[in-house]
PDB file of all heavy atoms in Angstrom:
ATOM      1  N   ARG A   1      46.979  72.551 -20.449  1.00  0.00           N
ATOM      2  CA  ARG A   1      45.663  72.436 -19.814  1.00  0.00           C
ATOM      3  C   ARG A   1      45.053  71.067 -20.083  1.00  0.00           C
ATOM      4  O   ARG A   1      44.443  70.453 -19.205  1.00  0.00           O
ATOM      5  CB  ARG A   1      44.734  73.540 -20.320  1.00  0.00           C
ATOM      6  CG  ARG A   1      43.372  73.515 -19.623  1.00  0.00           C
ATOM      7  CD  ARG A   1      42.522  74.687 -20.037  1.00  0.00           C
ATOM      8  NE  ARG A   1      43.209  75.926 -19.780  1.00  0.00           N
ATOM      9  CZ  ARG A   1      43.075  77.025 -20.529  1.00  0.00           C
ATOM     10  NH1 ARG A   1      42.300  77.016 -21.583  1.00  0.00           N
ATOM     11  NH2 ARG A   1      43.723  78.109 -20.217  1.00  0.00           N
ATOM     12  N   CYS A   2      45.203  70.576 -21.322  1.00  0.00           N
ATOM     13  CA  CYS A   2      44.693  69.244 -21.648  1.00  0.00           C
ATOM     14  C   CYS A   2      45.389  68.180 -20.809  1.00  0.00           C
ATOM     15  O   CYS A   2      44.750  67.240 -20.327  1.00  0.00           O
ATOM     16  CB  CYS A   2      44.890  68.949 -23.136  1.00  0.00           C
ATOM     17  SG  CYS A   2      43.826  69.896 -24.237  1.00  0.00           S
ATOM     18  N   ALA A   3      46.701  68.334 -20.629  1.00  0.00           N
ATOM     19  CA  ALA A   3      47.440  67.374 -19.812  1.00  0.00           C
ATOM     20  C   ALA A   3      46.935  67.395 -18.373  1.00  0.00           C
ATOM     21  O   ALA A   3      46.829  66.340 -17.719  1.00  0.00           O
ATOM     22  CB  ALA A   3      48.939  67.686 -19.864  1.00  0.00           C
ATOM     23  N   ALA A   4      46.606  68.580 -17.869  1.00  0.00           N
ATOM     24  CA  ALA A   4      46.078  68.685 -16.508  1.00  0.00           C
ATOM     25  C   ALA A   4      44.715  68.018 -16.394  1.00  0.00           C
ATOM     26  O   ALA A   4      44.412  67.356 -15.391  1.00  0.00           O
ATOM     27  CB  ALA A   4      45.994  70.153 -16.091  1.00  0.00           C
ATOM     28  N   ILE A   5      43.868  68.177 -17.427  1.00  0.00           N
ATOM     29  CA  ILE A   5      42.554  67.531 -17.418  1.00  0.00           C
ATOM     30  C   ILE A   5      42.707  66.019 -17.406  1.00  0.00           C
ATOM     31  O   ILE A   5      41.996  65.300 -16.683  1.00  0.00           O
ATOM     32  CB  ILE A   5      41.728  67.988 -18.642  1.00  0.00           C
ATOM     33  CG1 ILE A   5      41.365  69.465 -18.503  1.00  0.00           C
ATOM     34  CG2 ILE A   5      40.459  67.145 -18.784  1.00  0.00           C
ATOM     35  CD1 ILE A   5      40.719  70.048 -19.742  1.00  0.00           C
ATOM     36  N   ILE A   6      43.645  65.506 -18.208  1.00  0.00           N
ATOM     37  CA  ILE A   6      43.887  64.064 -18.240  1.00  0.00           C
ATOM     38  C   ILE A   6      44.347  63.571 -16.873  1.00  0.00           C
ATOM     39  O   ILE A   6      43.908  62.519 -16.389  1.00  0.00           O
ATOM     40  CB  ILE A   6      44.920  63.722 -19.330  1.00  0.00           C
ATOM     41  CG1 ILE A   6      44.321  63.961 -20.717  1.00  0.00           C
ATOM     42  CG2 ILE A   6      45.391  62.280 -19.204  1.00  0.00           C
ATOM     43  CD1 ILE A   6      45.310  63.823 -21.853  1.00  0.00           C
ATOM     44  N   SER A   7      45.221  64.334 -16.230  1.00  0.00           N
ATOM     45  CA  SER A   7      45.677  63.950 -14.888  1.00  0.00           C
ATOM     46  C   SER A   7      44.517  63.937 -13.901  1.00  0.00           C
ATOM     47  O   SER A   7      44.422  63.050 -13.043  1.00  0.00           O
ATOM     48  CB  SER A   7      46.770  64.918 -14.404  1.00  0.00           C
ATOM     49  OG  SER A   7      47.919  64.822 -15.208  1.00  0.00           O
ATOM     50  N   ASP A   8      43.615  64.912 -14.031  1.00  0.00           N
ATOM     51  CA  ASP A   8      42.431  64.941 -13.156  1.00  0.00           C
ATOM     52  C   ASP A   8      41.554  63.715 -13.386  1.00  0.00           C
ATOM     53  O   ASP A   8      41.007  63.133 -12.441  1.00  0.00           O
ATOM     54  CB  ASP A   8      41.622  66.213 -13.405  1.00  0.00           C
ATOM     55  CG  ASP A   8      42.294  67.451 -12.849  1.00  0.00           C
ATOM     56  OD1 ASP A   8      43.209  67.303 -12.024  1.00  0.00           O
ATOM     57  OD2 ASP A   8      41.912  68.566 -13.253  1.00  0.00           O
ATOM     58  N   LEU A   9      41.398  63.322 -14.659  1.00  0.00           N
ATOM     59  CA  LEU A   9      40.603  62.131 -14.962  1.00  0.00           C
ATOM     60  C   LEU A   9      41.232  60.887 -14.359  1.00  0.00           C
ATOM     61  O   LEU A   9      40.539  60.016 -13.823  1.00  0.00           O
ATOM     62  CB  LEU A   9      40.459  61.974 -16.479  1.00  0.00           C
ATOM     63  CG  LEU A   9      39.515  62.957 -17.179  1.00  0.00           C
ATOM     64  CD1 LEU A   9      39.613  62.799 -18.686  1.00  0.00           C
ATOM     65  CD2 LEU A   9      38.084  62.756 -16.718  1.00  0.00           C
ATOM     66  N   LEU A  10      42.548  60.789 -14.433  1.00  0.00           N
ATOM     67  CA  LEU A  10      43.235  59.636 -13.853  1.00  0.00           C
ATOM     68  C   LEU A  10      43.089  59.633 -12.332  1.00  0.00           C
ATOM     69  O   LEU A  10      42.918  58.574 -11.719  1.00  0.00           O
ATOM     70  CB  LEU A  10      44.713  59.641 -14.252  1.00  0.00           C
ATOM     71  CG  LEU A  10      44.998  59.291 -15.712  1.00  0.00           C
ATOM     72  CD1 LEU A  10      46.481  59.499 -16.038  1.00  0.00           C
ATOM     73  CD2 LEU A  10      44.603  57.847 -16.011  1.00  0.00           C
ATOM     74  N   ASP A  11      43.145  60.827 -11.733  1.00  0.00           N
ATOM     75  CA  ASP A  11      42.929  60.910 -10.286  1.00  0.00           C
ATOM     76  C   ASP A  11      41.527  60.432  -9.923  1.00  0.00           C
ATOM     77  O   ASP A  11      41.318  59.801  -8.882  1.00  0.00           O
ATOM     78  CB  ASP A  11      43.126  62.351  -9.797  1.00  0.00           C
ATOM     79  CG  ASP A  11      44.584  62.768  -9.799  1.00  0.00           C
ATOM     80  OD1 ASP A  11      45.452  61.872  -9.832  1.00  0.00           O
ATOM     81  OD2 ASP A  11      44.855  63.982  -9.784  1.00  0.00           O
ATOM     82  N   PHE A  12      40.556  60.743 -10.789  1.00  0.00           N
ATOM     83  CA  PHE A  12      39.170  60.342 -10.546  1.00  0.00           C
ATOM     84  C   PHE A  12      39.036  58.818 -10.502  1.00  0.00           C
ATOM     85  O   PHE A  12      38.193  58.277  -9.781  1.00  0.00           O
ATOM     86  CB  PHE A  12      38.275  60.921 -11.639  1.00  0.00           C
ATOM     87  CG  PHE A  12      36.850  60.436 -11.585  1.00  0.00           C
ATOM     88  CD1 PHE A  12      35.978  60.912 -10.630  1.00  0.00           C
ATOM     89  CD2 PHE A  12      36.390  59.492 -12.489  1.00  0.00           C
ATOM     90  CE1 PHE A  12      34.664  60.471 -10.584  1.00  0.00           C
ATOM     91  CE2 PHE A  12      35.083  59.041 -12.450  1.00  0.00           C
ATOM     92  CZ  PHE A  12      34.224  59.532 -11.492  1.00  0.00           C
ATOM     93  N   THR A  13      39.845  58.114 -11.292  1.00  0.00           N
ATOM     94  CA  THR A  13      39.745  56.652 -11.350  1.00  0.00           C
ATOM     95  C   THR A  13      40.389  55.984 -10.149  1.00  0.00           C
ATOM     96  O   THR A  13      40.172  54.791  -9.925  1.00  0.00           O
ATOM     97  CB  THR A  13      40.397  56.114 -12.633  1.00  0.00           C
ATOM     98  OG1 THR A  13      41.816  56.378 -12.610  1.00  0.00           O
ATOM     99  CG2 THR A  13      39.785  56.754 -13.856  1.00  0.00           C
ATOM    100  N   ARG A  14      41.194  56.728  -9.414  1.00  0.00           N
ATOM    101  CA  ARG A  14      41.848  56.153  -8.240  1.00  0.00           C
ATOM    102  C   ARG A  14      40.993  56.429  -7.014  1.00  0.00           C
ATOM    103  O   ARG A  14      40.859  57.561  -6.571  1.00  0.00           O
ATOM    104  CB  ARG A  14      43.238  56.751  -8.056  1.00  0.00           C
ATOM    105  CG  ARG A  14      44.152  56.568  -9.270  1.00  0.00           C
ATOM    106  CD  ARG A  14      45.551  57.083  -8.958  1.00  0.00           C
ATOM    107  NE  ARG A  14      46.387  57.057 -10.132  1.00  0.00           N
ATOM    108  CZ  ARG A  14      46.716  58.128 -10.851  1.00  0.00           C
ATOM    109  NH1 ARG A  14      46.275  59.311 -10.461  1.00  0.00           N
ATOM    110  NH2 ARG A  14      47.481  58.022 -11.913  1.00  0.00           N
ATOM    111  N   ILE A  15      40.415  55.399  -6.475  1.00  0.00           N
ATOM    112  CA  ILE A  15      39.567  55.545  -5.300  1.00  0.00           C
ATOM    113  C   ILE A  15      40.453  55.493  -4.057  1.00  0.00           C
ATOM    114  O   ILE A  15      41.018  54.455  -3.718  1.00  0.00           O
ATOM    115  CB  ILE A  15      38.497  54.443  -5.243  1.00  0.00           C
ATOM    116  CG1 ILE A  15      37.629  54.497  -6.504  1.00  0.00           C
ATOM    117  CG2 ILE A  15      37.644  54.582  -3.991  1.00  0.00           C
ATOM    118  CD1 ILE A  15      36.616  53.393  -6.597  1.00  0.00           C
ATOM    119  N   CYS A  16      40.594  56.643  -3.412  1.00  0.00           N
ATOM    120  CA  CYS A  16      41.449  56.737  -2.224  1.00  0.00           C
ATOM    121  C   CYS A  16      40.580  57.061  -1.009  1.00  0.00           C
ATOM    122  O   CYS A  16      39.638  57.847  -1.108  1.00  0.00           O
ATOM    123  CB  CYS A  16      42.497  57.836  -2.410  1.00  0.00           C
ATOM    124  SG  CYS A  16      43.592  57.576  -3.828  1.00  0.00           S
ATOM    125  N   PRO A  17      40.908  56.468   0.123  1.00  0.00           N
ATOM    126  CA  PRO A  17      40.138  56.779   1.334  1.00  0.00           C
ATOM    127  C   PRO A  17      40.370  58.226   1.761  1.00  0.00           C
ATOM    128  O   PRO A  17      41.470  58.771   1.595  1.00  0.00           O
ATOM    129  CB  PRO A  17      40.698  55.798   2.372  1.00  0.00           C
ATOM    130  CG  PRO A  17      42.073  55.464   1.871  1.00  0.00           C
ATOM    131  CD  PRO A  17      41.977  55.495   0.379  1.00  0.00           C
ATOM    132  N   LEU A  18      39.316  58.860   2.258  1.00  0.00           N
ATOM    133  CA  LEU A  18      39.453  60.221   2.751  1.00  0.00           C
ATOM    134  C   LEU A  18      40.276  60.241   4.030  1.00  0.00           C
ATOM    135  O   LEU A  18      40.165  59.357   4.869  1.00  0.00           O
ATOM    136  CB  LEU A  18      38.073  60.826   3.012  1.00  0.00           C
ATOM    137  CG  LEU A  18      37.164  61.009   1.795  1.00  0.00           C
ATOM    138  CD1 LEU A  18      35.812  61.555   2.246  1.00  0.00           C
ATOM    139  CD2 LEU A  18      37.792  61.929   0.773  1.00  0.00           C
ATOM    140  N   GLU A  19      41.099  61.247   4.164  1.00  0.00           N
ATOM    141  CA  GLU A  19      41.895  61.433   5.375  1.00  0.00           C
ATOM    142  C   GLU A  19      41.357  62.669   6.093  1.00  0.00           C
ATOM    143  O   GLU A  19      41.822  63.785   5.889  1.00  0.00           O
ATOM    144  CB  GLU A  19      43.376  61.587   5.021  1.00  0.00           C
ATOM    145  CG  GLU A  19      43.963  60.346   4.341  1.00  0.00           C
ATOM    146  CD  GLU A  19      45.434  60.486   4.047  1.00  0.00           C
ATOM    147  OE1 GLU A  19      46.029  61.516   4.445  1.00  0.00           O
ATOM    148  OE2 GLU A  19      46.009  59.569   3.429  1.00  0.00           O
ATOM    149  N   MET A  20      40.369  62.432   6.927  1.00  0.00           N
ATOM    150  CA  MET A  20      39.661  63.522   7.579  1.00  0.00           C
ATOM    151  C   MET A  20      40.426  64.018   8.803  1.00  0.00           C
ATOM    152  O   MET A  20      41.050  63.236   9.526  1.00  0.00           O
ATOM    153  CB  MET A  20      38.266  63.076   7.983  1.00  0.00           C
ATOM    154  CG  MET A  20      37.441  62.470   6.852  1.00  0.00           C
ATOM    155  SD  MET A  20      37.114  63.643   5.532  1.00  0.00           S
ATOM    156  CE  MET A  20      35.969  64.752   6.355  1.00  0.00           C
ATOM    157  N   ALA A  21      40.355  65.319   9.012  1.00  0.00           N
ATOM    158  CA  ALA A  21      40.975  65.923  10.188  1.00  0.00           C
ATOM    159  C   ALA A  21      40.268  67.237  10.487  1.00  0.00           C
ATOM    160  O   ALA A  21      39.722  67.883   9.585  1.00  0.00           O
ATOM    161  CB  ALA A  21      42.467  66.150   9.962  1.00  0.00           C
ATOM    162  N   SER A  22      40.283  67.631  11.740  1.00  0.00           N
ATOM    163  CA  SER A  22      39.694  68.894  12.151  1.00  0.00           C
ATOM    164  C   SER A  22      40.747  69.988  12.039  1.00  0.00           C
ATOM    165  O   SER A  22      41.812  69.912  12.663  1.00  0.00           O
ATOM    166  CB  SER A  22      39.177  68.794  13.595  1.00  0.00           C
ATOM    167  OG  SER A  22      38.609  70.018  13.999  1.00  0.00           O
ATOM    168  N   LEU A  23      40.452  71.011  11.214  1.00  0.00           N
ATOM    169  CA  LEU A  23      41.423  72.071  10.955  1.00  0.00           C
ATOM    170  C   LEU A  23      40.761  73.435  11.089  1.00  0.00           C
ATOM    171  O   LEU A  23      39.589  73.599  10.740  1.00  0.00           O
ATOM    172  CB  LEU A  23      42.005  71.936   9.544  1.00  0.00           C
ATOM    173  CG  LEU A  23      42.786  70.658   9.228  1.00  0.00           C
ATOM    174  CD1 LEU A  23      43.107  70.607   7.729  1.00  0.00           C
ATOM    175  CD2 LEU A  23      44.067  70.604  10.035  1.00  0.00           C
ATOM    176  N   PRO A  24      41.499  74.440  11.556  1.00  0.00           N
ATOM    177  CA  PRO A  24      40.973  75.815  11.537  1.00  0.00           C
ATOM    178  C   PRO A  24      40.931  76.308  10.096  1.00  0.00           C
ATOM    179  O   PRO A  24      41.967  76.575   9.499  1.00  0.00           O
ATOM    180  CB  PRO A  24      41.974  76.588  12.400  1.00  0.00           C
ATOM    181  CG  PRO A  24      43.241  75.787  12.333  1.00  0.00           C
ATOM    182  CD  PRO A  24      42.831  74.360  12.169  1.00  0.00           C
ATOM    183  N   ILE A  25      39.736  76.439   9.550  1.00  0.00           N
ATOM    184  CA  ILE A  25      39.591  76.671   8.115  1.00  0.00           C
ATOM    185  C   ILE A  25      40.221  77.987   7.672  1.00  0.00           C
ATOM    186  O   ILE A  25      40.814  78.065   6.582  1.00  0.00           O
ATOM    187  CB  ILE A  25      38.098  76.589   7.703  1.00  0.00           C
ATOM    188  CG1 ILE A  25      37.949  76.605   6.181  1.00  0.00           C
ATOM    189  CG2 ILE A  25      37.299  77.700   8.361  1.00  0.00           C
ATOM    190  CD1 ILE A  25      38.523  75.409   5.492  1.00  0.00           C
ATOM    191  N   ASP A  26      40.123  79.033   8.491  1.00  0.00           N
ATOM    192  CA  ASP A  26      40.697  80.324   8.091  1.00  0.00           C
ATOM    193  C   ASP A  26      42.222  80.233   7.980  1.00  0.00           C
ATOM    194  O   ASP A  26      42.818  80.746   7.026  1.00  0.00           O
ATOM    195  CB  ASP A  26      40.306  81.414   9.086  1.00  0.00           C
ATOM    196  CG  ASP A  26      38.826  81.751   9.022  1.00  0.00           C
ATOM    197  OD1 ASP A  26      38.175  81.357   8.037  1.00  0.00           O
ATOM    198  OD2 ASP A  26      38.323  82.403   9.966  1.00  0.00           O
ATOM    199  N   ARG A  27      42.846  79.598   8.954  1.00  0.00           N
ATOM    200  CA  ARG A  27      44.300  79.455   8.906  1.00  0.00           C
ATOM    201  C   ARG A  27      44.715  78.561   7.747  1.00  0.00           C
ATOM    202  O   ARG A  27      45.696  78.844   7.050  1.00  0.00           O
ATOM    203  CB  ARG A  27      44.820  78.870  10.226  1.00  0.00           C
ATOM    204  CG  ARG A  27      46.346  78.819  10.317  1.00  0.00           C
ATOM    205  CD  ARG A  27      46.805  78.056  11.540  1.00  0.00           C
ATOM    206  NE  ARG A  27      46.195  78.575  12.762  1.00  0.00           N
ATOM    207  CZ  ARG A  27      46.245  77.953  13.934  1.00  0.00           C
ATOM    208  NH1 ARG A  27      46.841  76.770  14.033  1.00  0.00           N
ATOM    209  NH2 ARG A  27      45.685  78.487  14.991  1.00  0.00           N
ATOM    210  N   TRP A  28      43.949  77.496   7.511  1.00  0.00           N
ATOM    211  CA  TRP A  28      44.248  76.581   6.404  1.00  0.00           C
ATOM    212  C   TRP A  28      44.150  77.312   5.067  1.00  0.00           C
ATOM    213  O   TRP A  28      45.007  77.169   4.191  1.00  0.00           O
ATOM    214  CB  TRP A  28      43.284  75.402   6.463  1.00  0.00           C
ATOM    215  CG  TRP A  28      43.461  74.387   5.384  1.00  0.00           C
ATOM    216  CD1 TRP A  28      44.328  73.331   5.379  1.00  0.00           C
ATOM    217  CD2 TRP A  28      42.740  74.307   4.145  1.00  0.00           C
ATOM    218  NE1 TRP A  28      44.202  72.609   4.212  1.00  0.00           N
ATOM    219  CE2 TRP A  28      43.237  73.189   3.439  1.00  0.00           C
ATOM    220  CE3 TRP A  28      41.727  75.080   3.567  1.00  0.00           C
ATOM    221  CZ2 TRP A  28      42.752  72.823   2.185  1.00  0.00           C
ATOM    222  CZ3 TRP A  28      41.245  74.722   2.316  1.00  0.00           C
ATOM    223  CH2 TRP A  28      41.755  73.605   1.639  1.00  0.00           C
ATOM    224  N   LEU A  29      43.096  78.122   4.891  1.00  0.00           N
ATOM    225  CA  LEU A  29      42.949  78.908   3.674  1.00  0.00           C
ATOM    226  C   LEU A  29      44.089  79.912   3.524  1.00  0.00           C
ATOM    227  O   LEU A  29      44.610  80.128   2.421  1.00  0.00           O
ATOM    228  CB  LEU A  29      41.611  79.648   3.675  1.00  0.00           C
ATOM    229  CG  LEU A  29      40.363  78.813   3.401  1.00  0.00           C
ATOM    230  CD1 LEU A  29      39.104  79.621   3.727  1.00  0.00           C
ATOM    231  CD2 LEU A  29      40.326  78.353   1.948  1.00  0.00           C
ATOM    232  N   GLY A  30      44.486  80.511   4.640  1.00  0.00           N
ATOM    233  CA  GLY A  30      45.571  81.495   4.590  1.00  0.00           C
ATOM    234  C   GLY A  30      46.872  80.898   4.092  1.00  0.00           C
ATOM    235  O   GLY A  30      47.581  81.507   3.277  1.00  0.00           O
ATOM    236  N   VAL A  31      47.202  79.700   4.577  1.00  0.00           N
ATOM    237  CA  VAL A  31      48.434  79.029   4.128  1.00  0.00           C
ATOM    238  C   VAL A  31      48.342  78.706   2.639  1.00  0.00           C
ATOM    239  O   VAL A  31      49.304  78.908   1.879  1.00  0.00           O
ATOM    240  CB  VAL A  31      48.669  77.749   4.951  1.00  0.00           C
ATOM    241  CG1 VAL A  31      49.815  76.934   4.347  1.00  0.00           C
ATOM    242  CG2 VAL A  31      48.973  78.099   6.406  1.00  0.00           C
ATOM    243  N   MET A  32      47.179  78.214   2.200  1.00  0.00           N
ATOM    244  CA  MET A  32      47.010  77.886   0.781  1.00  0.00           C
ATOM    245  C   MET A  32      47.165  79.135  -0.083  1.00  0.00           C
ATOM    246  O   MET A  32      47.810  79.107  -1.136  1.00  0.00           O
ATOM    247  CB  MET A  32      45.643  77.253   0.554  1.00  0.00           C
ATOM    248  CG  MET A  32      45.402  76.826  -0.898  1.00  0.00           C
ATOM    249  SD  MET A  32      43.695  76.263  -1.174  1.00  0.00           S
ATOM    250  CE  MET A  32      42.796  77.799  -0.914  1.00  0.00           C
ATOM    251  N   LEU A  33      46.598  80.244   0.359  1.00  0.00           N
ATOM    252  CA  LEU A  33      46.687  81.488  -0.405  1.00  0.00           C
ATOM    253  C   LEU A  33      48.111  82.034  -0.405  1.00  0.00           C
ATOM    254  O   LEU A  33      48.555  82.630  -1.400  1.00  0.00           O
ATOM    255  CB  LEU A  33      45.724  82.527   0.166  1.00  0.00           C
ATOM    256  CG  LEU A  33      44.231  82.201  -0.008  1.00  0.00           C
ATOM    257  CD1 LEU A  33      43.375  83.221   0.740  1.00  0.00           C
ATOM    258  CD2 LEU A  33      43.849  82.174  -1.479  1.00  0.00           C
TER     259      LEU A  33
END
């Protein structure tokens, strides 16, 4: 868990542009689940 937190902190320091797209949220949630 600590290693995951450290990885999250490192991700926070990397400023990446958002990749926006229009998606059907219900279907997107279903695939993730």
